[in-house]
Amino acid sequence: MNILAIETATPACSVALGVSGRVFKRHEVVPRRHSEVVLDFVQCVLSEARISLSELDGIVCGVGPGSFMGVRLAVSVTQGLAYAQNIPVLALST
């Protein structure tokens, strides 16, 4: 199962991808710069795992508690990616 996870509610921006028992991840403390790096992080983990967005079985999104803007960013990115490929979404507490 291929699961992408996105968390931006804290000063750190984190993206992780689980593929066949392996975890690919990007994590960086970038206060107020999440929107600049989150999609690059997604692309990096997908490239590193050598899979495409269409091969995801689900996307997990952190929904707080945390920064409202950070939560909104993670939800927006998740919704956009999931809608584009008809991928199920699961919201989890930060």
PDB file of N, CA and C in Angstrom:
ATOM      1  N   MET A   1       0.839  -1.170   0.000  1.00  0.00           N
ATOM      2  CA  MET A   1       0.000   0.000   0.000  1.00  0.00           C
ATOM      3  C   MET A   1       0.891   1.242   0.000  1.00  0.00           C
ATOM      4  N   ASN A   2       0.564   2.217  -0.832  1.00  0.00           N
ATOM      5  CA  ASN A   2       1.338   3.448  -0.973  1.00  0.00           C
ATOM      6  C   ASN A   2       0.572   4.604  -0.340  1.00  0.00           C
ATOM      7  N   ILE A   3       1.104   5.120   0.759  1.00  0.00           N
ATOM      8  CA  ILE A   3       0.419   6.173   1.513  1.00  0.00           C
ATOM      9  C   ILE A   3       1.326   7.391   1.632  1.00  0.00           C
ATOM     10  N   LEU A   4       0.791   8.555   1.264  1.00  0.00           N
ATOM     11  CA  LEU A   4       1.485   9.823   1.395  1.00  0.00           C
ATOM     12  C   LEU A   4       0.925  10.553   2.608  1.00  0.00           C
ATOM     13  N   ALA A   5       1.793  11.141   3.435  1.00  0.00           N
ATOM     14  CA  ALA A   5       1.358  11.894   4.617  1.00  0.00           C
ATOM     15  C   ALA A   5       1.936  13.302   4.551  1.00  0.00           C
ATOM     16  N   ILE A   6       1.075  14.296   4.861  1.00  0.00           N
ATOM     17  CA  ILE A   6       1.468  15.700   4.810  1.00  0.00           C
ATOM     18  C   ILE A   6       1.115  16.356   6.136  1.00  0.00           C
ATOM     19  N   GLU A   7       2.096  17.044   6.736  1.00  0.00           N
ATOM     20  CA  GLU A   7       1.894  17.734   8.015  1.00  0.00           C
ATOM     21  C   GLU A   7       2.545  19.113   7.952  1.00  0.00           C
ATOM     22  N   THR A   8       1.730  20.156   8.139  1.00  0.00           N
ATOM     23  CA  THR A   8       2.250  21.530   8.085  1.00  0.00           C
ATOM     24  C   THR A   8       1.701  22.401   9.213  1.00  0.00           C
ATOM     25  N   ALA A   9       1.136  21.811  10.243  1.00  0.00           N
ATOM     26  CA  ALA A   9       0.496  22.586  11.316  1.00  0.00           C
ATOM     27  C   ALA A   9       1.482  23.159  12.330  1.00  0.00           C
ATOM     28  N   THR A  10       2.722  22.702  12.308  1.00  0.00           N
ATOM     29  CA  THR A  10       3.728  23.158  13.256  1.00  0.00           C
ATOM     30  C   THR A  10       4.802  23.941  12.481  1.00  0.00           C
ATOM     31  N   PRO A  11       5.810  24.472  13.152  1.00  0.00           N
ATOM     32  CA  PRO A  11       6.871  25.164  12.409  1.00  0.00           C
ATOM     33  C   PRO A  11       7.627  24.259  11.430  1.00  0.00           C
ATOM     34  N   ALA A  12       7.496  22.959  11.593  1.00  0.00           N
ATOM     35  CA  ALA A  12       8.143  22.020  10.671  1.00  0.00           C
ATOM     36  C   ALA A  12       7.184  21.625   9.563  1.00  0.00           C
ATOM     37  N   CYS A  13       7.720  21.444   8.376  1.00  0.00           N
ATOM     38  CA  CYS A  13       6.959  20.921   7.244  1.00  0.00           C
ATOM     39  C   CYS A  13       7.438  19.489   7.038  1.00  0.00           C
ATOM     40  N   SER A  14       6.509  18.544   7.060  1.00  0.00           N
ATOM     41  CA  SER A  14       6.866  17.135   6.948  1.00  0.00           C
ATOM     42  C   SER A  14       6.025  16.447   5.890  1.00  0.00           C
ATOM     43  N   VAL A  15       6.691  15.679   5.056  1.00  0.00           N
ATOM     44  CA  VAL A  15       6.027  14.851   4.054  1.00  0.00           C
ATOM     45  C   VAL A  15       6.684  13.479   4.118  1.00  0.00           C
ATOM     46  N   ALA A  16       5.870  12.450   4.195  1.00  0.00           N
ATOM     47  CA  ALA A  16       6.391  11.085   4.240  1.00  0.00           C
ATOM     48  C   ALA A  16       5.585  10.218   3.279  1.00  0.00           C
ATOM     49  N   LEU A  17       6.248   9.216   2.750  1.00  0.00           N
ATOM     50  CA  LEU A  17       5.612   8.303   1.817  1.00  0.00           C
ATOM     51  C   LEU A  17       5.986   6.887   2.208  1.00  0.00           C
ATOM     52  N   GLY A  18       4.984   6.069   2.478  1.00  0.00           N
ATOM     53  CA  GLY A  18       5.201   4.665   2.777  1.00  0.00           C
ATOM     54  C   GLY A  18       4.923   3.837   1.537  1.00  0.00           C
ATOM     55  N   VAL A  19       5.919   3.060   1.112  1.00  0.00           N
ATOM     56  CA  VAL A  19       5.803   2.219  -0.087  1.00  0.00           C
ATOM     57  C   VAL A  19       6.431   0.865   0.207  1.00  0.00           C
ATOM     58  N   SER A  20       5.621  -0.166   0.184  1.00  0.00           N
ATOM     59  CA  SER A  20       6.117  -1.538   0.349  1.00  0.00           C
ATOM     60  C   SER A  20       7.031  -1.697   1.564  1.00  0.00           C
ATOM     61  N   GLY A  21       6.604  -1.148   2.689  1.00  0.00           N
ATOM     62  CA  GLY A  21       7.368  -1.285   3.919  1.00  0.00           C
ATOM     63  C   GLY A  21       8.537  -0.321   4.063  1.00  0.00           C
ATOM     64  N   ARG A  22       8.776   0.506   3.079  1.00  0.00           N
ATOM     65  CA  ARG A  22       9.847   1.522   3.144  1.00  0.00           C
ATOM     66  C   ARG A  22       9.222   2.890   3.355  1.00  0.00           C
ATOM     67  N   VAL A  23       9.964   3.779   4.011  1.00  0.00           N
ATOM     68  CA  VAL A  23       9.482   5.140   4.256  1.00  0.00           C
ATOM     69  C   VAL A  23      10.466   6.130   3.635  1.00  0.00           C
ATOM     70  N   PHE A  24       9.916   7.016   2.832  1.00  0.00           N
ATOM     71  CA  PHE A  24      10.683   8.098   2.222  1.00  0.00           C
ATOM     72  C   PHE A  24      10.157   9.376   2.849  1.00  0.00           C
ATOM     73  N   LYS A  25      11.052  10.282   3.267  1.00  0.00           N
ATOM     74  CA  LYS A  25      10.559  11.438   4.009  1.00  0.00           C
ATOM     75  C   LYS A  25      11.388  12.679   3.759  1.00  0.00           C
ATOM     76  N   ARG A  26      10.724  13.814   3.948  1.00  0.00           N
ATOM     77  CA  ARG A  26      11.356  15.126   3.948  1.00  0.00           C
ATOM     78  C   ARG A  26      10.786  15.863   5.144  1.00  0.00           C
ATOM     79  N   HIS A  27      11.662  16.486   5.915  1.00  0.00           N
ATOM     80  CA  HIS A  27      11.249  17.195   7.127  1.00  0.00           C
ATOM     81  C   HIS A  27      12.201  18.367   7.321  1.00  0.00           C
ATOM     82  N   GLU A  28      11.623  19.554   7.465  1.00  0.00           N
ATOM     83  CA  GLU A  28      12.460  20.724   7.682  1.00  0.00           C
ATOM     84  C   GLU A  28      11.682  21.751   8.494  1.00  0.00           C
ATOM     85  N   VAL A  29      12.354  22.381   9.444  1.00  0.00           N
ATOM     86  CA  VAL A  29      11.736  23.457  10.217  1.00  0.00           C
ATOM     87  C   VAL A  29      11.863  24.718   9.371  1.00  0.00           C
ATOM     88  N   VAL A  30      10.707  25.180   8.881  1.00  0.00           N
ATOM     89  CA  VAL A  30      10.669  26.339   7.983  1.00  0.00           C
ATOM     90  C   VAL A  30       9.481  27.238   8.349  1.00  0.00           C
ATOM     91  N   PRO A  31       9.536  27.892   9.511  1.00  0.00           N
ATOM     92  CA  PRO A  31       8.394  28.712   9.933  1.00  0.00           C
ATOM     93  C   PRO A  31       7.945  29.675   8.832  1.00  0.00           C
ATOM     94  N   ARG A  32       6.654  29.671   8.564  1.00  0.00           N
ATOM     95  CA  ARG A  32       6.012  30.561   7.595  1.00  0.00           C
ATOM     96  C   ARG A  32       6.509  30.380   6.156  1.00  0.00           C
ATOM     97  N   ARG A  33       7.140  29.257   5.853  1.00  0.00           N
ATOM     98  CA  ARG A  33       7.604  28.984   4.485  1.00  0.00           C
ATOM     99  C   ARG A  33       7.085  27.648   3.962  1.00  0.00           C
ATOM    100  N   HIS A  34       6.143  27.059   4.671  1.00  0.00           N
ATOM    101  CA  HIS A  34       5.622  25.741   4.278  1.00  0.00           C
ATOM    102  C   HIS A  34       5.128  25.731   2.834  1.00  0.00           C
ATOM    103  N   SER A  35       4.416  26.790   2.451  1.00  0.00           N
ATOM    104  CA  SER A  35       3.835  26.820   1.102  1.00  0.00           C
ATOM    105  C   SER A  35       4.912  26.825   0.021  1.00  0.00           C
ATOM    106  N   GLU A  36       6.111  27.257   0.367  1.00  0.00           N
ATOM    107  CA  GLU A  36       7.207  27.285  -0.601  1.00  0.00           C
ATOM    108  C   GLU A  36       7.845  25.917  -0.806  1.00  0.00           C
ATOM    109  N   VAL A  37       7.725  25.025   0.176  1.00  0.00           N
ATOM    110  CA  VAL A  37       8.469  23.761   0.105  1.00  0.00           C
ATOM    111  C   VAL A  37       7.607  22.504   0.040  1.00  0.00           C
ATOM    112  N   VAL A  38       6.342  22.573   0.452  1.00  0.00           N
ATOM    113  CA  VAL A  38       5.557  21.336   0.604  1.00  0.00           C
ATOM    114  C   VAL A  38       5.409  20.559  -0.705  1.00  0.00           C
ATOM    115  N   LEU A  39       5.130  21.227  -1.811  1.00  0.00           N
ATOM    116  CA  LEU A  39       4.970  20.491  -3.072  1.00  0.00           C
ATOM    117  C   LEU A  39       6.300  19.932  -3.571  1.00  0.00           C
ATOM    118  N   ASP A  40       7.394  20.647  -3.317  1.00  0.00           N
ATOM    119  CA  ASP A  40       8.710  20.099  -3.654  1.00  0.00           C
ATOM    120  C   ASP A  40       8.994  18.840  -2.836  1.00  0.00           C
ATOM    121  N   PHE A  41       8.617  18.863  -1.555  1.00  0.00           N
ATOM    122  CA  PHE A  41       8.800  17.687  -0.699  1.00  0.00           C
ATOM    123  C   PHE A  41       7.999  16.502  -1.240  1.00  0.00           C
ATOM    124  N   VAL A  42       6.757  16.768  -1.654  1.00  0.00           N
ATOM    125  CA  VAL A  42       5.917  15.699  -2.214  1.00  0.00           C
ATOM    126  C   VAL A  42       6.592  15.114  -3.451  1.00  0.00           C
ATOM    127  N   GLN A  43       7.038  15.983  -4.356  1.00  0.00           N
ATOM    128  CA  GLN A  43       7.688  15.508  -5.574  1.00  0.00           C
ATOM    129  C   GLN A  43       8.966  14.728  -5.264  1.00  0.00           C
ATOM    130  N   CYS A  44       9.720  15.189  -4.283  1.00  0.00           N
ATOM    131  CA  CYS A  44      10.970  14.498  -3.910  1.00  0.00           C
ATOM    132  C   CYS A  44      10.713  13.082  -3.420  1.00  0.00           C
ATOM    133  N   VAL A  45       9.731  12.916  -2.524  1.00  0.00           N
ATOM    134  CA  VAL A  45       9.499  11.563  -1.995  1.00  0.00           C
ATOM    135  C   VAL A  45       8.917  10.645  -3.063  1.00  0.00           C
ATOM    136  N   LEU A  46       8.066  11.183  -3.932  1.00  0.00           N
ATOM    137  CA  LEU A  46       7.538  10.361  -5.026  1.00  0.00           C
ATOM    138  C   LEU A  46       8.661   9.935  -5.970  1.00  0.00           C
ATOM    139  N   SER A  47       9.544  10.865  -6.298  1.00  0.00           N
ATOM    140  CA  SER A  47      10.671  10.544  -7.187  1.00  0.00           C
ATOM    141  C   SER A  47      11.615   9.539  -6.554  1.00  0.00           C
ATOM    142  N   GLU A  48      11.919   9.745  -5.287  1.00  0.00           N
ATOM    143  CA  GLU A  48      12.827   8.837  -4.588  1.00  0.00           C
ATOM    144  C   GLU A  48      12.266   7.421  -4.533  1.00  0.00           C
ATOM    145  N   ALA A  49      10.950   7.311  -4.359  1.00  0.00           N
ATOM    146  CA  ALA A  49      10.306   5.994  -4.303  1.00  0.00           C
ATOM    147  C   ALA A  49      10.031   5.424  -5.695  1.00  0.00           C
ATOM    148  N   ARG A  50      10.220   6.252  -6.700  1.00  0.00           N
ATOM    149  CA  ARG A  50       9.984   5.864  -8.094  1.00  0.00           C
ATOM    150  C   ARG A  50       8.539   5.446  -8.350  1.00  0.00           C
ATOM    151  N   ILE A  51       7.616   6.245  -7.792  1.00  0.00           N
ATOM    152  CA  ILE A  51       6.202   6.027  -8.089  1.00  0.00           C
ATOM    153  C   ILE A  51       5.582   7.361  -8.501  1.00  0.00           C
ATOM    154  N   SER A  52       4.425   7.283  -9.111  1.00  0.00           N
ATOM    155  CA  SER A  52       3.709   8.494  -9.523  1.00  0.00           C
ATOM    156  C   SER A  52       2.541   8.750  -8.572  1.00  0.00           C
ATOM    157  N   LEU A  53       2.001   9.924  -8.642  1.00  0.00           N
ATOM    158  CA  LEU A  53       0.859  10.297  -7.816  1.00  0.00           C
ATOM    159  C   LEU A  53      -0.311   9.332  -8.031  1.00  0.00           C
ATOM    160  N   SER A  54      -0.496   8.885  -9.244  1.00  0.00           N
ATOM    161  CA  SER A  54      -1.615   7.988  -9.551  1.00  0.00           C
ATOM    162  C   SER A  54      -1.477   6.621  -8.889  1.00  0.00           C
ATOM    163  N   GLU A  55      -0.292   6.282  -8.402  1.00  0.00           N
ATOM    164  CA  GLU A  55      -0.071   4.991  -7.748  1.00  0.00           C
ATOM    165  C   GLU A  55      -0.332   5.034  -6.242  1.00  0.00           C
ATOM    166  N   LEU A  56      -0.716   6.197  -5.718  1.00  0.00           N
ATOM    167  CA  LEU A  56      -1.018   6.303  -4.288  1.00  0.00           C
ATOM    168  C   LEU A  56      -2.343   5.631  -3.975  1.00  0.00           C
ATOM    169  N   ASP A  57      -2.392   4.950  -2.828  1.00  0.00           N
ATOM    170  CA  ASP A  57      -3.624   4.330  -2.352  1.00  0.00           C
ATOM    171  C   ASP A  57      -4.367   5.246  -1.387  1.00  0.00           C
ATOM    172  N   GLY A  58      -3.688   6.256  -0.871  1.00  0.00           N
ATOM    173  CA  GLY A  58      -4.325   7.184   0.054  1.00  0.00           C
ATOM    174  C   GLY A  58      -3.378   8.305   0.436  1.00  0.00           C
ATOM    175  N   ILE A  59      -3.974   9.395   0.940  1.00  0.00           N
ATOM    176  CA  ILE A  59      -3.199  10.527   1.438  1.00  0.00           C
ATOM    177  C   ILE A  59      -3.689  10.831   2.846  1.00  0.00           C
ATOM    178  N   VAL A  60      -2.754  10.969   3.769  1.00  0.00           N
ATOM    179  CA  VAL A  60      -3.050  11.320   5.157  1.00  0.00           C
ATOM    180  C   VAL A  60      -2.671  12.774   5.354  1.00  0.00           C
ATOM    181  N   CYS A  61      -3.549  13.489   6.058  1.00  0.00           N
ATOM    182  CA  CYS A  61      -3.347  14.916   6.267  1.00  0.00           C
ATOM    183  C   CYS A  61      -3.454  15.247   7.752  1.00  0.00           C
ATOM    184  N   GLY A  62      -2.474  15.964   8.292  1.00  0.00           N
ATOM    185  CA  GLY A  62      -2.546  16.429   9.670  1.00  0.00           C
ATOM    186  C   GLY A  62      -3.490  17.615   9.770  1.00  0.00           C
ATOM    187  N   VAL A  63      -4.413  17.575  10.725  1.00  0.00           N
ATOM    188  CA  VAL A  63      -5.431  18.633  10.835  1.00  0.00           C
ATOM    189  C   VAL A  63      -5.383  19.361  12.177  1.00  0.00           C
ATOM    190  N   GLY A  64      -4.231  19.407  12.793  1.00  0.00           N
ATOM    191  CA  GLY A  64      -4.091  20.181  14.024  1.00  0.00           C
ATOM    192  C   GLY A  64      -4.222  19.310  15.255  1.00  0.00           C
ATOM    193  N   PRO A  65      -4.049  19.882  16.411  1.00  0.00           N
ATOM    194  CA  PRO A  65      -3.996  21.326  16.632  1.00  0.00           C
ATOM    195  C   PRO A  65      -2.692  21.900  16.108  1.00  0.00           C
ATOM    196  N   GLY A  66      -2.758  23.170  15.811  1.00  0.00           N
ATOM    197  CA  GLY A  66      -1.605  23.884  15.292  1.00  0.00           C
ATOM    198  C   GLY A  66      -2.043  25.138  14.589  1.00  0.00           C
ATOM    199  N   SER A  67      -1.153  25.720  13.857  1.00  0.00           N
ATOM    200  CA  SER A  67      -1.403  26.950  13.123  1.00  0.00           C
ATOM    201  C   SER A  67      -2.568  26.770  12.148  1.00  0.00           C
ATOM    202  N   PHE A  68      -3.517  27.696  12.183  1.00  0.00           N
ATOM    203  CA  PHE A  68      -4.652  27.621  11.260  1.00  0.00           C
ATOM    204  C   PHE A  68      -4.168  27.645   9.813  1.00  0.00           C
ATOM    205  N   MET A  69      -3.234  28.537   9.509  1.00  0.00           N
ATOM    206  CA  MET A  69      -2.724  28.633   8.141  1.00  0.00           C
ATOM    207  C   MET A  69      -1.998  27.340   7.745  1.00  0.00           C
ATOM    208  N   GLY A  70      -1.267  26.756   8.681  1.00  0.00           N
ATOM    209  CA  GLY A  70      -0.570  25.506   8.400  1.00  0.00           C
ATOM    210  C   GLY A  70      -1.531  24.361   8.134  1.00  0.00           C
ATOM    211  N   VAL A  71      -2.566  24.272   8.957  1.00  0.00           N
ATOM    212  CA  VAL A  71      -3.574  23.227   8.766  1.00  0.00           C
ATOM    213  C   VAL A  71      -4.264  23.429   7.422  1.00  0.00           C
ATOM    214  N   ARG A  72      -4.619  24.664   7.135  1.00  0.00           N
ATOM    215  CA  ARG A  72      -5.298  24.966   5.870  1.00  0.00           C
ATOM    216  C   ARG A  72      -4.430  24.591   4.674  1.00  0.00           C
ATOM    217  N   LEU A  73      -3.135  24.816   4.769  1.00  0.00           N
ATOM    218  CA  LEU A  73      -2.236  24.462   3.674  1.00  0.00           C
ATOM    219  C   LEU A  73      -2.210  22.948   3.451  1.00  0.00           C
ATOM    220  N   ALA A  74      -2.038  22.182   4.522  1.00  0.00           N
ATOM    221  CA  ALA A  74      -2.000  20.723   4.385  1.00  0.00           C
ATOM    222  C   ALA A  74      -3.308  20.186   3.809  1.00  0.00           C
ATOM    223  N   VAL A  75      -4.418  20.715   4.292  1.00  0.00           N
ATOM    224  CA  VAL A  75      -5.720  20.267   3.795  1.00  0.00           C
ATOM    225  C   VAL A  75      -5.888  20.633   2.326  1.00  0.00           C
ATOM    226  N   SER A  76      -5.483  21.833   1.948  1.00  0.00           N
ATOM    227  CA  SER A  76      -5.617  22.276   0.555  1.00  0.00           C
ATOM    228  C   SER A  76      -4.763  21.445  -0.394  1.00  0.00           C
ATOM    229  N   VAL A  77      -3.521  21.214  -0.013  1.00  0.00           N
ATOM    230  CA  VAL A  77      -2.630  20.405  -0.857  1.00  0.00           C
ATOM    231  C   VAL A  77      -3.175  18.988  -0.968  1.00  0.00           C
ATOM    232  N   THR A  78      -3.566  18.427   0.153  1.00  0.00           N
ATOM    233  CA  THR A  78      -4.122  17.068   0.157  1.00  0.00           C
ATOM    234  C   THR A  78      -5.366  16.988  -0.720  1.00  0.00           C
ATOM    235  N   GLN A  79      -6.269  17.935  -0.547  1.00  0.00           N
ATOM    236  CA  GLN A  79      -7.506  17.929  -1.328  1.00  0.00           C
ATOM    237  C   GLN A  79      -7.212  18.044  -2.822  1.00  0.00           C
ATOM    238  N   GLY A  80      -6.299  18.910  -3.193  1.00  0.00           N
ATOM    239  CA  GLY A  80      -5.968  19.075  -4.611  1.00  0.00           C
ATOM    240  C   GLY A  80      -5.365  17.821  -5.218  1.00  0.00           C
ATOM    241  N   LEU A  81      -4.398  17.237  -4.529  1.00  0.00           N
ATOM    242  CA  LEU A  81      -3.764  16.017  -5.032  1.00  0.00           C
ATOM    243  C   LEU A  81      -4.754  14.860  -5.098  1.00  0.00           C
ATOM    244  N   ALA A  82      -5.542  14.715  -4.049  1.00  0.00           N
ATOM    245  CA  ALA A  82      -6.502  13.604  -3.980  1.00  0.00           C
ATOM    246  C   ALA A  82      -7.598  13.743  -5.036  1.00  0.00           C
ATOM    247  N   TYR A  83      -8.106  14.937  -5.197  1.00  0.00           N
ATOM    248  CA  TYR A  83      -9.175  15.158  -6.164  1.00  0.00           C
ATOM    249  C   TYR A  83      -8.679  14.891  -7.588  1.00  0.00           C
ATOM    250  N   ALA A  84      -7.458  15.321  -7.885  1.00  0.00           N
ATOM    251  CA  ALA A  84      -6.911  15.161  -9.230  1.00  0.00           C
ATOM    252  C   ALA A  84      -6.784  13.693  -9.633  1.00  0.00           C
ATOM    253  N   GLN A  85      -6.550  12.807  -8.657  1.00  0.00           N
ATOM    254  CA  GLN A  85      -6.328  11.394  -8.965  1.00  0.00           C
ATOM    255  C   GLN A  85      -7.384  10.474  -8.355  1.00  0.00           C
ATOM    256  N   ASN A  86      -8.418  11.045  -7.742  1.00  0.00           N
ATOM    257  CA  ASN A  86      -9.475  10.264  -7.097  1.00  0.00           C
ATOM    258  C   ASN A  86      -8.883   9.318  -6.043  1.00  0.00           C
ATOM    259  N   ILE A  87      -8.074   9.897  -5.139  1.00  0.00           N
ATOM    260  CA  ILE A  87      -7.386   9.143  -4.092  1.00  0.00           C
ATOM    261  C   ILE A  87      -8.100   9.391  -2.767  1.00  0.00           C
ATOM    262  N   PRO A  88      -8.367   8.363  -1.970  1.00  0.00           N
ATOM    263  CA  PRO A  88      -9.007   8.571  -0.665  1.00  0.00           C
ATOM    264  C   PRO A  88      -8.097   9.345   0.287  1.00  0.00           C
ATOM    265  N   VAL A  89      -8.738  10.070   1.213  1.00  0.00           N
ATOM    266  CA  VAL A  89      -8.028  10.922   2.170  1.00  0.00           C
ATOM    267  C   VAL A  89      -8.423  10.524   3.586  1.00  0.00           C
ATOM    268  N   LEU A  90      -7.455  10.609   4.504  1.00  0.00           N
ATOM    269  CA  LEU A  90      -7.707  10.388   5.906  1.00  0.00           C
ATOM    270  C   LEU A  90      -7.102  11.564   6.674  1.00  0.00           C
ATOM    271  N   ALA A  91      -7.907  12.198   7.523  1.00  0.00           N
ATOM    272  CA  ALA A  91      -7.432  13.304   8.364  1.00  0.00           C
ATOM    273  C   ALA A  91      -7.075  12.766   9.732  1.00  0.00           C
ATOM    274  N   LEU A  92      -5.889  13.154  10.235  1.00  0.00           N
ATOM    275  CA  LEU A  92      -5.415  12.711  11.535  1.00  0.00           C
ATOM    276  C   LEU A  92      -5.002  13.896  12.382  1.00  0.00           C
ATOM    277  N   SER A  93      -5.121  13.752  13.687  1.00  0.00           N
ATOM    278  CA  SER A  93      -4.665  14.785  14.592  1.00  0.00           C
ATOM    279  C   SER A  93      -3.148  14.923  14.521  1.00  0.00           C
ATOM    280  N   THR A  94      -2.701  16.147  14.595  1.00  0.00           N
ATOM    281  CA  THR A  94      -1.269  16.416  14.585  1.00  0.00           C
ATOM    282  C   THR A  94      -0.604  15.738  15.746  1.00  0.00           C
TER     283      THR A  94
END
